[in-house]
Amino acid sequence: MAKEYWQDLIQVFTLNKGKIIGAFIGFIVGILVLFIGLLKTLLILAFTLLGYYLGSRWDLNGDFKKLLDKLLPPQFK
């Protein structure tokens, strides 16, 4: 009985993965807005997106030093 329940739950999740993840992210953002305010939440989201972008570039290039060479001007090296 419990095994069937978990299999059904996994099937529902795999069929509606985007909806479930989107609802969860929306819930977390809503909680953040309520507890810390809109501007702080937007700042957290901006840094999260920046980290995601840098991480994805790192994955593509494979070398963090190359990424920093492209992003930072010569006086910061």
PDB file of N, CA and C in Angstrom:
ATOM      1  N   MET A   1       0.827  -1.192   0.000  1.00  0.00           N
ATOM      2  CA  MET A   1       0.000   0.000   0.000  1.00  0.00           C
ATOM      3  C   MET A   1       0.870   1.254   0.000  1.00  0.00           C
ATOM      4  N   ALA A   2       1.848   1.314   0.891  1.00  0.00           N
ATOM      5  CA  ALA A   2       2.709   2.494   0.972  1.00  0.00           C
ATOM      6  C   ALA A   2       3.593   2.604  -0.265  1.00  0.00           C
ATOM      7  N   LYS A   3       4.021   1.456  -0.791  1.00  0.00           N
ATOM      8  CA  LYS A   3       4.870   1.467  -1.975  1.00  0.00           C
ATOM      9  C   LYS A   3       4.109   2.025  -3.177  1.00  0.00           C
ATOM     10  N   GLU A   4       2.836   1.635  -3.315  1.00  0.00           N
ATOM     11  CA  GLU A   4       2.011   2.156  -4.404  1.00  0.00           C
ATOM     12  C   GLU A   4       1.816   3.665  -4.262  1.00  0.00           C
ATOM     13  N   TYR A   5       1.657   4.124  -3.037  1.00  0.00           N
ATOM     14  CA  TYR A   5       1.482   5.555  -2.774  1.00  0.00           C
ATOM     15  C   TYR A   5       2.700   6.331  -3.254  1.00  0.00           C
ATOM     16  N   TRP A   6       3.884   5.858  -2.910  1.00  0.00           N
ATOM     17  CA  TRP A   6       5.103   6.556  -3.319  1.00  0.00           C
ATOM     18  C   TRP A   6       5.303   6.501  -4.819  1.00  0.00           C
ATOM     19  N   GLN A   7       4.960   5.383  -5.440  1.00  0.00           N
ATOM     20  CA  GLN A   7       5.064   5.285  -6.898  1.00  0.00           C
ATOM     21  C   GLN A   7       4.108   6.261  -7.580  1.00  0.00           C
ATOM     22  N   ASP A   8       2.881   6.375  -7.051  1.00  0.00           N
ATOM     23  CA  ASP A   8       1.922   7.337  -7.597  1.00  0.00           C
ATOM     24  C   ASP A   8       2.406   8.764  -7.401  1.00  0.00           C
ATOM     25  N   LEU A   9       2.987   9.048  -6.249  1.00  0.00           N
ATOM     26  CA  LEU A   9       3.499  10.387  -5.959  1.00  0.00           C
ATOM     27  C   LEU A   9       4.656  10.745  -6.887  1.00  0.00           C
ATOM     28  N   ILE A  10       5.541   9.796  -7.131  1.00  0.00           N
ATOM     29  CA  ILE A  10       6.665  10.025  -8.051  1.00  0.00           C
ATOM     30  C   ILE A  10       6.146  10.238  -9.473  1.00  0.00           C
ATOM     31  N   GLN A  11       5.135   9.495  -9.865  1.00  0.00           N
ATOM     32  CA  GLN A  11       4.568   9.661 -11.197  1.00  0.00           C
ATOM     33  C   GLN A  11       3.923  11.041 -11.351  1.00  0.00           C
ATOM     34  N   VAL A  12       3.199  11.497 -10.340  1.00  0.00           N
ATOM     35  CA  VAL A  12       2.597  12.834 -10.382  1.00  0.00           C
ATOM     36  C   VAL A  12       3.694  13.889 -10.475  1.00  0.00           C
ATOM     37  N   PHE A  13       4.771  13.718  -9.727  1.00  0.00           N
ATOM     38  CA  PHE A  13       5.863  14.686  -9.765  1.00  0.00           C
ATOM     39  C   PHE A  13       6.529  14.712 -11.136  1.00  0.00           C
ATOM     40  N   THR A  14       6.777  13.548 -11.731  1.00  0.00           N
ATOM     41  CA  THR A  14       7.456  13.534 -13.024  1.00  0.00           C
ATOM     42  C   THR A  14       6.575  14.122 -14.132  1.00  0.00           C
ATOM     43  N   LEU A  15       5.266  13.955 -14.013  1.00  0.00           N
ATOM     44  CA  LEU A  15       4.373  14.512 -15.024  1.00  0.00           C
ATOM     45  C   LEU A  15       4.175  16.018 -14.864  1.00  0.00           C
ATOM     46  N   ASN A  16       4.354  16.535 -13.644  1.00  0.00           N
ATOM     47  CA  ASN A  16       4.102  17.949 -13.354  1.00  0.00           C
ATOM     48  C   ASN A  16       5.309  18.617 -12.717  1.00  0.00           C
ATOM     49  N   LYS A  17       6.502  18.227 -13.124  1.00  0.00           N
ATOM     50  CA  LYS A  17       7.730  18.709 -12.492  1.00  0.00           C
ATOM     51  C   LYS A  17       7.844  20.233 -12.539  1.00  0.00           C
ATOM     52  N   GLY A  18       7.616  20.830 -13.686  1.00  0.00           N
ATOM     53  CA  GLY A  18       7.742  22.279 -13.827  1.00  0.00           C
ATOM     54  C   GLY A  18       6.762  23.033 -12.948  1.00  0.00           C
ATOM     55  N   LYS A  19       5.533  22.560 -12.887  1.00  0.00           N
ATOM     56  CA  LYS A  19       4.510  23.213 -12.068  1.00  0.00           C
ATOM     57  C   LYS A  19       4.859  23.135 -10.588  1.00  0.00           C
ATOM     58  N   ILE A  20       5.312  21.989 -10.158  1.00  0.00           N
ATOM     59  CA  ILE A  20       5.626  21.791  -8.744  1.00  0.00           C
ATOM     60  C   ILE A  20       6.838  22.619  -8.343  1.00  0.00           C
ATOM     61  N   ILE A  21       7.887  22.601  -9.152  1.00  0.00           N
ATOM     62  CA  ILE A  21       9.080  23.379  -8.834  1.00  0.00           C
ATOM     63  C   ILE A  21       8.759  24.872  -8.885  1.00  0.00           C
ATOM     64  N   GLY A  22       7.996  25.313  -9.878  1.00  0.00           N
ATOM     65  CA  GLY A  22       7.601  26.718  -9.971  1.00  0.00           C
ATOM     66  C   GLY A  22       6.776  27.158  -8.769  1.00  0.00           C
ATOM     67  N   ALA A  23       5.850  26.326  -8.331  1.00  0.00           N
ATOM     68  CA  ALA A  23       5.041  26.661  -7.161  1.00  0.00           C
ATOM     69  C   ALA A  23       5.911  26.740  -5.904  1.00  0.00           C
ATOM     70  N   PHE A  24       6.865  25.838  -5.779  1.00  0.00           N
ATOM     71  CA  PHE A  24       7.755  25.850  -4.624  1.00  0.00           C
ATOM     72  C   PHE A  24       8.614  27.115  -4.605  1.00  0.00           C
ATOM     73  N   ILE A  25       9.167  27.486  -5.767  1.00  0.00           N
ATOM     74  CA  ILE A  25       9.975  28.704  -5.848  1.00  0.00           C
ATOM     75  C   ILE A  25       9.115  29.925  -5.549  1.00  0.00           C
ATOM     76  N   GLY A  26       7.903  29.966  -6.090  1.00  0.00           N
ATOM     77  CA  GLY A  26       6.991  31.069  -5.798  1.00  0.00           C
ATOM     78  C   GLY A  26       6.658  31.161  -4.325  1.00  0.00           C
ATOM     79  N   PHE A  27       6.478  30.028  -3.680  1.00  0.00           N
ATOM     80  CA  PHE A  27       6.195  30.002  -2.246  1.00  0.00           C
ATOM     81  C   PHE A  27       7.376  30.561  -1.448  1.00  0.00           C
ATOM     82  N   ILE A  28       8.590  30.142  -1.798  1.00  0.00           N
ATOM     83  CA  ILE A  28       9.792  30.617  -1.097  1.00  0.00           C
ATOM     84  C   ILE A  28       9.957  32.126  -1.290  1.00  0.00           C
ATOM     85  N   VAL A  29       9.767  32.608  -2.525  1.00  0.00           N
ATOM     86  CA  VAL A  29       9.887  34.049  -2.785  1.00  0.00           C
ATOM     87  C   VAL A  29       8.821  34.814  -1.999  1.00  0.00           C
ATOM     88  N   GLY A  30       7.613  34.296  -1.940  1.00  0.00           N
ATOM     89  CA  GLY A  30       6.555  34.932  -1.154  1.00  0.00           C
ATOM     90  C   GLY A  30       6.911  35.028   0.319  1.00  0.00           C
ATOM     91  N   ILE A  31       7.450  33.965   0.872  1.00  0.00           N
ATOM     92  CA  ILE A  31       7.883  33.971   2.276  1.00  0.00           C
ATOM     93  C   ILE A  31       8.981  35.010   2.482  1.00  0.00           C
ATOM     94  N   LEU A  32       9.955  35.057   1.557  1.00  0.00           N
ATOM     95  CA  LEU A  32      11.036  36.038   1.674  1.00  0.00           C
ATOM     96  C   LEU A  32      10.504  37.465   1.625  1.00  0.00           C
ATOM     97  N   VAL A  33       9.574  37.745   0.726  1.00  0.00           N
ATOM     98  CA  VAL A  33       9.008  39.087   0.627  1.00  0.00           C
ATOM     99  C   VAL A  33       8.299  39.456   1.922  1.00  0.00           C
ATOM    100  N   LEU A  34       7.564  38.530   2.498  1.00  0.00           N
ATOM    101  CA  LEU A  34       6.847  38.814   3.739  1.00  0.00           C
ATOM    102  C   LEU A  34       7.791  39.071   4.908  1.00  0.00           C
ATOM    103  N   PHE A  35       8.875  38.298   4.988  1.00  0.00           N
ATOM    104  CA  PHE A  35       9.734  38.393   6.162  1.00  0.00           C
ATOM    105  C   PHE A  35      10.859  39.410   6.041  1.00  0.00           C
ATOM    106  N   ILE A  36      11.423  39.600   4.844  1.00  0.00           N
ATOM    107  CA  ILE A  36      12.558  40.522   4.757  1.00  0.00           C
ATOM    108  C   ILE A  36      12.288  41.719   3.853  1.00  0.00           C
ATOM    109  N   GLY A  37      11.184  41.737   3.127  1.00  0.00           N
ATOM    110  CA  GLY A  37      10.841  42.871   2.282  1.00  0.00           C
ATOM    111  C   GLY A  37      11.153  42.623   0.814  1.00  0.00           C
ATOM    112  N   LEU A  38      10.548  43.463  -0.016  1.00  0.00           N
ATOM    113  CA  LEU A  38      10.652  43.287  -1.460  1.00  0.00           C
ATOM    114  C   LEU A  38      12.059  43.567  -1.977  1.00  0.00           C
ATOM    115  N   LEU A  39      12.663  44.676  -1.567  1.00  0.00           N
ATOM    116  CA  LEU A  39      13.971  45.045  -2.110  1.00  0.00           C
ATOM    117  C   LEU A  39      15.062  44.046  -1.729  1.00  0.00           C
ATOM    118  N   LYS A  40      15.047  43.597  -0.490  1.00  0.00           N
ATOM    119  CA  LYS A  40      16.047  42.604  -0.074  1.00  0.00           C
ATOM    120  C   LYS A  40      15.839  41.286  -0.814  1.00  0.00           C
ATOM    121  N   THR A  41      14.585  40.924  -1.034  1.00  0.00           N
ATOM    122  CA  THR A  41      14.294  39.705  -1.789  1.00  0.00           C
ATOM    123  C   THR A  41      14.780  39.829  -3.221  1.00  0.00           C
ATOM    124  N   LEU A  42      14.543  40.992  -3.836  1.00  0.00           N
ATOM    125  CA  LEU A  42      15.018  41.201  -5.212  1.00  0.00           C
ATOM    126  C   LEU A  42      16.542  41.156  -5.277  1.00  0.00           C
ATOM    127  N   LEU A  43      17.221  41.686  -4.251  1.00  0.00           N
ATOM    128  CA  LEU A  43      18.677  41.630  -4.211  1.00  0.00           C
ATOM    129  C   LEU A  43      19.168  40.181  -4.101  1.00  0.00           C
ATOM    130  N   ILE A  44      18.520  39.398  -3.269  1.00  0.00           N
ATOM    131  CA  ILE A  44      18.875  37.980  -3.136  1.00  0.00           C
ATOM    132  C   ILE A  44      18.663  37.260  -4.466  1.00  0.00           C
ATOM    133  N   LEU A  45      17.538  37.541  -5.134  1.00  0.00           N
ATOM    134  CA  LEU A  45      17.266  36.904  -6.423  1.00  0.00           C
ATOM    135  C   LEU A  45      18.286  37.326  -7.473  1.00  0.00           C
ATOM    136  N   ALA A  46      18.683  38.603  -7.461  1.00  0.00           N
ATOM    137  CA  ALA A  46      19.671  39.081  -8.429  1.00  0.00           C
ATOM    138  C   ALA A  46      21.008  38.379  -8.226  1.00  0.00           C
ATOM    139  N   PHE A  47      21.455  38.252  -6.969  1.00  0.00           N
ATOM    140  CA  PHE A  47      22.718  37.568  -6.705  1.00  0.00           C
ATOM    141  C   PHE A  47      22.619  36.076  -7.010  1.00  0.00           C
ATOM    142  N   THR A  48      21.463  35.494  -6.797  1.00  0.00           N
ATOM    143  CA  THR A  48      21.274  34.088  -7.133  1.00  0.00           C
ATOM    144  C   THR A  48      21.379  33.880  -8.641  1.00  0.00           C
ATOM    145  N   LEU A  49      20.741  34.751  -9.403  1.00  0.00           N
ATOM    146  CA  LEU A  49      20.826  34.649 -10.858  1.00  0.00           C
ATOM    147  C   LEU A  49      22.242  34.900 -11.352  1.00  0.00           C
ATOM    148  N   LEU A  50      22.952  35.848 -10.741  1.00  0.00           N
ATOM    149  CA  LEU A  50      24.342  36.102 -11.108  1.00  0.00           C
ATOM    150  C   LEU A  50      25.203  34.872 -10.811  1.00  0.00           C
ATOM    151  N   GLY A  51      25.000  34.262  -9.659  1.00  0.00           N
ATOM    152  CA  GLY A  51      25.736  33.044  -9.319  1.00  0.00           C
ATOM    153  C   GLY A  51      25.425  31.908 -10.260  1.00  0.00           C
ATOM    154  N   TYR A  52      24.176  31.788 -10.652  1.00  0.00           N
ATOM    155  CA  TYR A  52      23.798  30.754 -11.611  1.00  0.00           C
ATOM    156  C   TYR A  52      24.472  31.002 -12.951  1.00  0.00           C
ATOM    157  N   TYR A  53      24.473  32.255 -13.395  1.00  0.00           N
ATOM    158  CA  TYR A  53      25.102  32.595 -14.674  1.00  0.00           C
ATOM    159  C   TYR A  53      26.601  32.303 -14.631  1.00  0.00           C
ATOM    160  N   LEU A  54      27.274  32.740 -13.579  1.00  0.00           N
ATOM    161  CA  LEU A  54      28.714  32.493 -13.465  1.00  0.00           C
ATOM    162  C   LEU A  54      29.016  31.002 -13.385  1.00  0.00           C
ATOM    163  N   GLY A  55      28.199  30.277 -12.642  1.00  0.00           N
ATOM    164  CA  GLY A  55      28.386  28.836 -12.531  1.00  0.00           C
ATOM    165  C   GLY A  55      28.183  28.121 -13.858  1.00  0.00           C
ATOM    166  N   SER A  56      27.194  28.563 -14.624  1.00  0.00           N
ATOM    167  CA  SER A  56      26.963  27.923 -15.920  1.00  0.00           C
ATOM    168  C   SER A  56      28.091  28.248 -16.890  1.00  0.00           C
ATOM    169  N   ARG A  57      28.622  29.469 -16.824  1.00  0.00           N
ATOM    170  CA  ARG A  57      29.767  29.822 -17.668  1.00  0.00           C
ATOM    171  C   ARG A  57      30.994  28.998 -17.274  1.00  0.00           C
ATOM    172  N   TRP A  58      31.156  28.794 -15.983  1.00  0.00           N
ATOM    173  CA  TRP A  58      32.277  27.996 -15.479  1.00  0.00           C
ATOM    174  C   TRP A  58      32.150  26.561 -16.005  1.00  0.00           C
ATOM    175  N   ASP A  59      30.937  26.034 -15.978  1.00  0.00           N
ATOM    176  CA  ASP A  59      30.716  24.676 -16.487  1.00  0.00           C
ATOM    177  C   ASP A  59      31.039  24.583 -17.975  1.00  0.00           C
ATOM    178  N   LEU A  60      30.695  25.614 -18.729  1.00  0.00           N
ATOM    179  CA  LEU A  60      30.953  25.593 -20.168  1.00  0.00           C
ATOM    180  C   LEU A  60      32.433  25.722 -20.483  1.00  0.00           C
ATOM    181  N   ASN A  61      33.110  26.647 -19.813  1.00  0.00           N
ATOM    182  CA  ASN A  61      34.522  26.893 -20.095  1.00  0.00           C
ATOM    183  C   ASN A  61      35.430  25.930 -19.353  1.00  0.00           C
ATOM    184  N   GLY A  62      35.051  25.525 -18.167  1.00  0.00           N
ATOM    185  CA  GLY A  62      35.844  24.590 -17.396  1.00  0.00           C
ATOM    186  C   GLY A  62      36.972  25.221 -16.607  1.00  0.00           C
ATOM    187  N   ASP A  63      37.203  26.521 -16.760  1.00  0.00           N
ATOM    188  CA  ASP A  63      38.301  27.161 -16.051  1.00  0.00           C
ATOM    189  C   ASP A  63      37.821  28.500 -15.498  1.00  0.00           C
ATOM    190  N   PHE A  64      37.864  28.645 -14.194  1.00  0.00           N
ATOM    191  CA  PHE A  64      37.378  29.869 -13.547  1.00  0.00           C
ATOM    192  C   PHE A  64      38.278  31.064 -13.851  1.00  0.00           C
ATOM    193  N   LYS A  65      39.585  30.843 -14.024  1.00  0.00           N
ATOM    194  CA  LYS A  65      40.507  31.943 -14.321  1.00  0.00           C
ATOM    195  C   LYS A  65      40.191  32.569 -15.682  1.00  0.00           C
ATOM    196  N   LYS A  66      39.847  31.758 -16.666  1.00  0.00           N
ATOM    197  CA  LYS A  66      39.463  32.294 -17.975  1.00  0.00           C
ATOM    198  C   LYS A  66      38.208  33.153 -17.855  1.00  0.00           C
ATOM    199  N   LEU A  67      37.273  32.691 -17.038  1.00  0.00           N
ATOM    200  CA  LEU A  67      36.040  33.438 -16.835  1.00  0.00           C
ATOM    201  C   LEU A  67      36.328  34.784 -16.182  1.00  0.00           C
ATOM    202  N   LEU A  68      37.194  34.796 -15.161  1.00  0.00           N
ATOM    203  CA  LEU A  68      37.542  36.052 -14.505  1.00  0.00           C
ATOM    204  C   LEU A  68      38.284  36.987 -15.449  1.00  0.00           C
ATOM    205  N   ASP A  69      39.135  36.450 -16.304  1.00  0.00           N
ATOM    206  CA  ASP A  69      39.846  37.274 -17.284  1.00  0.00           C
ATOM    207  C   ASP A  69      38.871  37.982 -18.217  1.00  0.00           C
ATOM    208  N   LYS A  70      37.782  37.318 -18.571  1.00  0.00           N
ATOM    209  CA  LYS A  70      36.793  37.921 -19.457  1.00  0.00           C
ATOM    210  C   LYS A  70      35.938  38.953 -18.723  1.00  0.00           C
ATOM    211  N   LEU A  71      35.638  38.705 -17.441  1.00  0.00           N
ATOM    212  CA  LEU A  71      34.701  39.559 -16.716  1.00  0.00           C
ATOM    213  C   LEU A  71      35.344  40.792 -16.089  1.00  0.00           C
ATOM    214  N   LEU A  72      36.560  40.648 -15.549  1.00  0.00           N
ATOM    215  CA  LEU A  72      37.178  41.748 -14.818  1.00  0.00           C
ATOM    216  C   LEU A  72      38.115  42.540 -15.710  1.00  0.00           C
ATOM    217  N   PRO A  73      38.118  43.857 -15.539  1.00  0.00           N
ATOM    218  CA  PRO A  73      39.086  44.682 -16.283  1.00  0.00           C
ATOM    219  C   PRO A  73      40.506  44.411 -15.805  1.00  0.00           C
ATOM    220  N   PRO A  74      41.534  44.788 -16.605  1.00  0.00           N
ATOM    221  CA  PRO A  74      42.920  44.467 -16.274  1.00  0.00           C
ATOM    222  C   PRO A  74      43.407  45.035 -14.927  1.00  0.00           C
ATOM    223  N   GLN A  75      42.887  46.179 -14.475  1.00  0.00           N
ATOM    224  CA  GLN A  75      43.386  46.758 -13.234  1.00  0.00           C
ATOM    225  C   GLN A  75      42.987  45.961 -11.988  1.00  0.00           C
ATOM    226  N   PHE A  76      42.031  45.060 -12.084  1.00  0.00           N
ATOM    227  CA  PHE A  76      41.608  44.253 -10.943  1.00  0.00           C
ATOM    228  C   PHE A  76      42.334  42.922 -10.852  1.00  0.00           C
ATOM    229  N   LYS A  77      43.195  42.617 -11.783  1.00  0.00           N
ATOM    230  CA  LYS A  77      43.899  41.332 -11.781  1.00  0.00           C
ATOM    231  C   LYS A  77      45.125  41.376 -10.916  1.00  0.00           C
TER     232      LYS A  77
END
